Amino acid sequence: MTGAIIGVGATKRFSAVRWGVTQSLMAAWVLTIPGSGLLAAGIYYTASLLFI
């Protein structure tokens, strides 16, 4: 959805897109997957110590 909004804004005027907000969204997307993986690994490790 965000990509579509950026695309629509860029078709009107390239300067119409707020690139600061776009960069924040992209950084959040890039950090979300590794962060989720690390959190899941930590929970799995903790649970395996407690329940084995």
N, C-alpha and C. Protein backbone atom coordinates (compact mmCIF):
# COMPACT_ATOMS: atom_id res chain seq x y z
N MET A 1 0.82 -1.18 0.00
CA MET A 1 0.00 0.00 0.00
C MET A 1 0.88 1.26 0.00
N THR A 2 1.92 1.22 0.81
CA THR A 2 2.80 2.38 0.87
C THR A 2 3.49 2.63 -0.46
N GLY A 3 3.91 1.54 -1.10
CA GLY A 3 4.54 1.67 -2.41
C GLY A 3 3.60 2.27 -3.43
N ALA A 4 2.33 1.92 -3.37
CA ALA A 4 1.34 2.48 -4.29
C ALA A 4 1.17 3.97 -4.04
N ILE A 5 1.12 4.37 -2.79
CA ILE A 5 0.97 5.79 -2.47
C ILE A 5 2.18 6.58 -2.96
N ILE A 6 3.37 6.03 -2.76
CA ILE A 6 4.58 6.70 -3.23
C ILE A 6 4.56 6.80 -4.75
N GLY A 7 4.14 5.71 -5.41
CA GLY A 7 4.07 5.71 -6.87
C GLY A 7 3.10 6.73 -7.41
N VAL A 8 1.94 6.84 -6.79
CA VAL A 8 0.95 7.83 -7.24
C VAL A 8 1.48 9.24 -7.03
N GLY A 9 2.11 9.47 -5.89
CA GLY A 9 2.69 10.80 -5.65
C GLY A 9 3.79 11.13 -6.63
N ALA A 10 4.60 10.12 -7.00
CA ALA A 10 5.70 10.35 -7.92
C ALA A 10 5.20 10.60 -9.34
N THR A 11 4.04 10.05 -9.71
CA THR A 11 3.53 10.29 -11.06
C THR A 11 3.01 11.71 -11.22
N LYS A 12 2.49 12.28 -10.14
CA LYS A 12 2.02 13.67 -10.23
C LYS A 12 3.22 14.61 -10.28
N ARG A 13 4.01 14.57 -9.23
CA ARG A 13 5.25 15.35 -9.16
C ARG A 13 6.20 14.55 -8.29
N PHE A 14 7.42 14.44 -8.74
CA PHE A 14 8.39 13.69 -7.97
C PHE A 14 8.65 14.37 -6.63
N SER A 15 8.50 15.66 -6.59
CA SER A 15 8.71 16.41 -5.34
C SER A 15 7.49 16.33 -4.42
N ALA A 16 6.38 15.75 -4.90
CA ALA A 16 5.17 15.64 -4.08
C ALA A 16 5.32 14.56 -3.01
N VAL A 17 6.25 13.66 -3.21
CA VAL A 17 6.46 12.58 -2.24
C VAL A 17 7.30 13.11 -1.09
N ARG A 18 6.88 12.84 0.12
CA ARG A 18 7.67 13.25 1.30
C ARG A 18 8.72 12.16 1.55
N TRP A 19 9.93 12.43 1.08
CA TRP A 19 10.97 11.41 1.08
C TRP A 19 11.48 11.09 2.48
N GLY A 20 11.37 12.01 3.40
CA GLY A 20 11.77 11.73 4.78
C GLY A 20 10.90 10.65 5.40
N VAL A 21 9.60 10.75 5.17
CA VAL A 21 8.66 9.74 5.67
C VAL A 21 8.91 8.42 4.96
N THR A 22 9.17 8.49 3.67
CA THR A 22 9.44 7.27 2.89
C THR A 22 10.67 6.56 3.41
N GLN A 23 11.71 7.29 3.71
CA GLN A 23 12.93 6.68 4.24
C GLN A 23 12.67 6.02 5.59
N SER A 24 11.88 6.65 6.42
CA SER A 24 11.54 6.06 7.72
C SER A 24 10.78 4.75 7.54
N LEU A 25 9.84 4.73 6.62
CA LEU A 25 9.07 3.51 6.36
C LEU A 25 9.96 2.40 5.83
N MET A 26 10.85 2.73 4.92
CA MET A 26 11.76 1.72 4.36
C MET A 26 12.69 1.16 5.44
N ALA A 27 13.19 2.02 6.29
CA ALA A 27 14.05 1.56 7.38
C ALA A 27 13.29 0.64 8.31
N ALA A 28 12.05 0.98 8.59
CA ALA A 28 11.23 0.12 9.46
C ALA A 28 11.01 -1.23 8.80
N TRP A 29 10.78 -1.27 7.50
CA TRP A 29 10.57 -2.53 6.80
C TRP A 29 11.83 -3.38 6.84
N VAL A 30 12.98 -2.75 6.63
CA VAL A 30 14.24 -3.49 6.61
C VAL A 30 14.57 -4.05 8.00
N LEU A 31 14.25 -3.31 9.04
CA LEU A 31 14.58 -3.75 10.40
C LEU A 31 13.55 -4.70 11.00
N THR A 32 12.34 -4.73 10.48
CA THR A 32 11.29 -5.54 11.07
C THR A 32 11.57 -7.04 10.95
N ILE A 33 11.97 -7.50 9.78
CA ILE A 33 12.16 -8.94 9.57
C ILE A 33 13.32 -9.48 10.41
N PRO A 34 14.51 -8.88 10.38
CA PRO A 34 15.57 -9.40 11.26
C PRO A 34 15.22 -9.26 12.75
N GLY A 35 14.57 -8.18 13.11
CA GLY A 35 14.18 -7.99 14.50
C GLY A 35 13.20 -9.06 14.95
N SER A 36 12.24 -9.39 14.11
CA SER A 36 11.28 -10.44 14.43
C SER A 36 11.97 -11.79 14.54
N GLY A 37 12.92 -12.05 13.64
CA GLY A 37 13.66 -13.30 13.70
C GLY A 37 14.48 -13.43 14.96
N LEU A 38 15.15 -12.36 15.35
CA LEU A 38 15.95 -12.39 16.58
C LEU A 38 15.06 -12.55 17.82
N LEU A 39 13.93 -11.89 17.83
CA LEU A 39 13.00 -12.03 18.95
C LEU A 39 12.48 -13.46 19.04
N ALA A 40 12.11 -14.03 17.91
CA ALA A 40 11.62 -15.41 17.90
C ALA A 40 12.70 -16.38 18.34
N ALA A 41 13.94 -16.16 17.89
CA ALA A 41 15.04 -17.03 18.30
C ALA A 41 15.28 -16.93 19.80
N GLY A 42 15.20 -15.73 20.34
CA GLY A 42 15.38 -15.54 21.78
C GLY A 42 14.30 -16.23 22.59
N ILE A 43 13.07 -16.10 22.13
CA ILE A 43 11.96 -16.77 22.83
C ILE A 43 12.10 -18.28 22.73
N TYR A 44 12.47 -18.78 21.57
CA TYR A 44 12.65 -20.22 21.39
C TYR A 44 13.77 -20.74 22.29
N TYR A 45 14.87 -20.02 22.33
CA TYR A 45 16.01 -20.43 23.17
C TYR A 45 15.61 -20.44 24.65
N THR A 46 14.94 -19.40 25.08
CA THR A 46 14.50 -19.31 26.48
C THR A 46 13.52 -20.44 26.81
N ALA A 47 12.58 -20.68 25.91
CA ALA A 47 11.60 -21.73 26.15
C ALA A 47 12.26 -23.11 26.16
N SER A 48 13.26 -23.30 25.30
CA SER A 48 13.92 -24.61 25.27
C SER A 48 14.73 -24.85 26.56
N LEU A 49 15.24 -23.79 27.17
CA LEU A 49 15.95 -23.95 28.43
C LEU A 49 15.00 -24.25 29.58
N LEU A 50 13.83 -23.64 29.53
CA LEU A 50 12.87 -23.80 30.62
C LEU A 50 12.10 -25.12 30.58
N PHE A 51 11.84 -25.63 29.40
CA PHE A 51 10.94 -26.76 29.27
C PHE A 51 11.63 -28.06 28.89
N ILE A 52 12.94 -28.07 28.85
CA ILE A 52 13.64 -29.33 28.52
C ILE A 52 14.40 -29.82 29.72
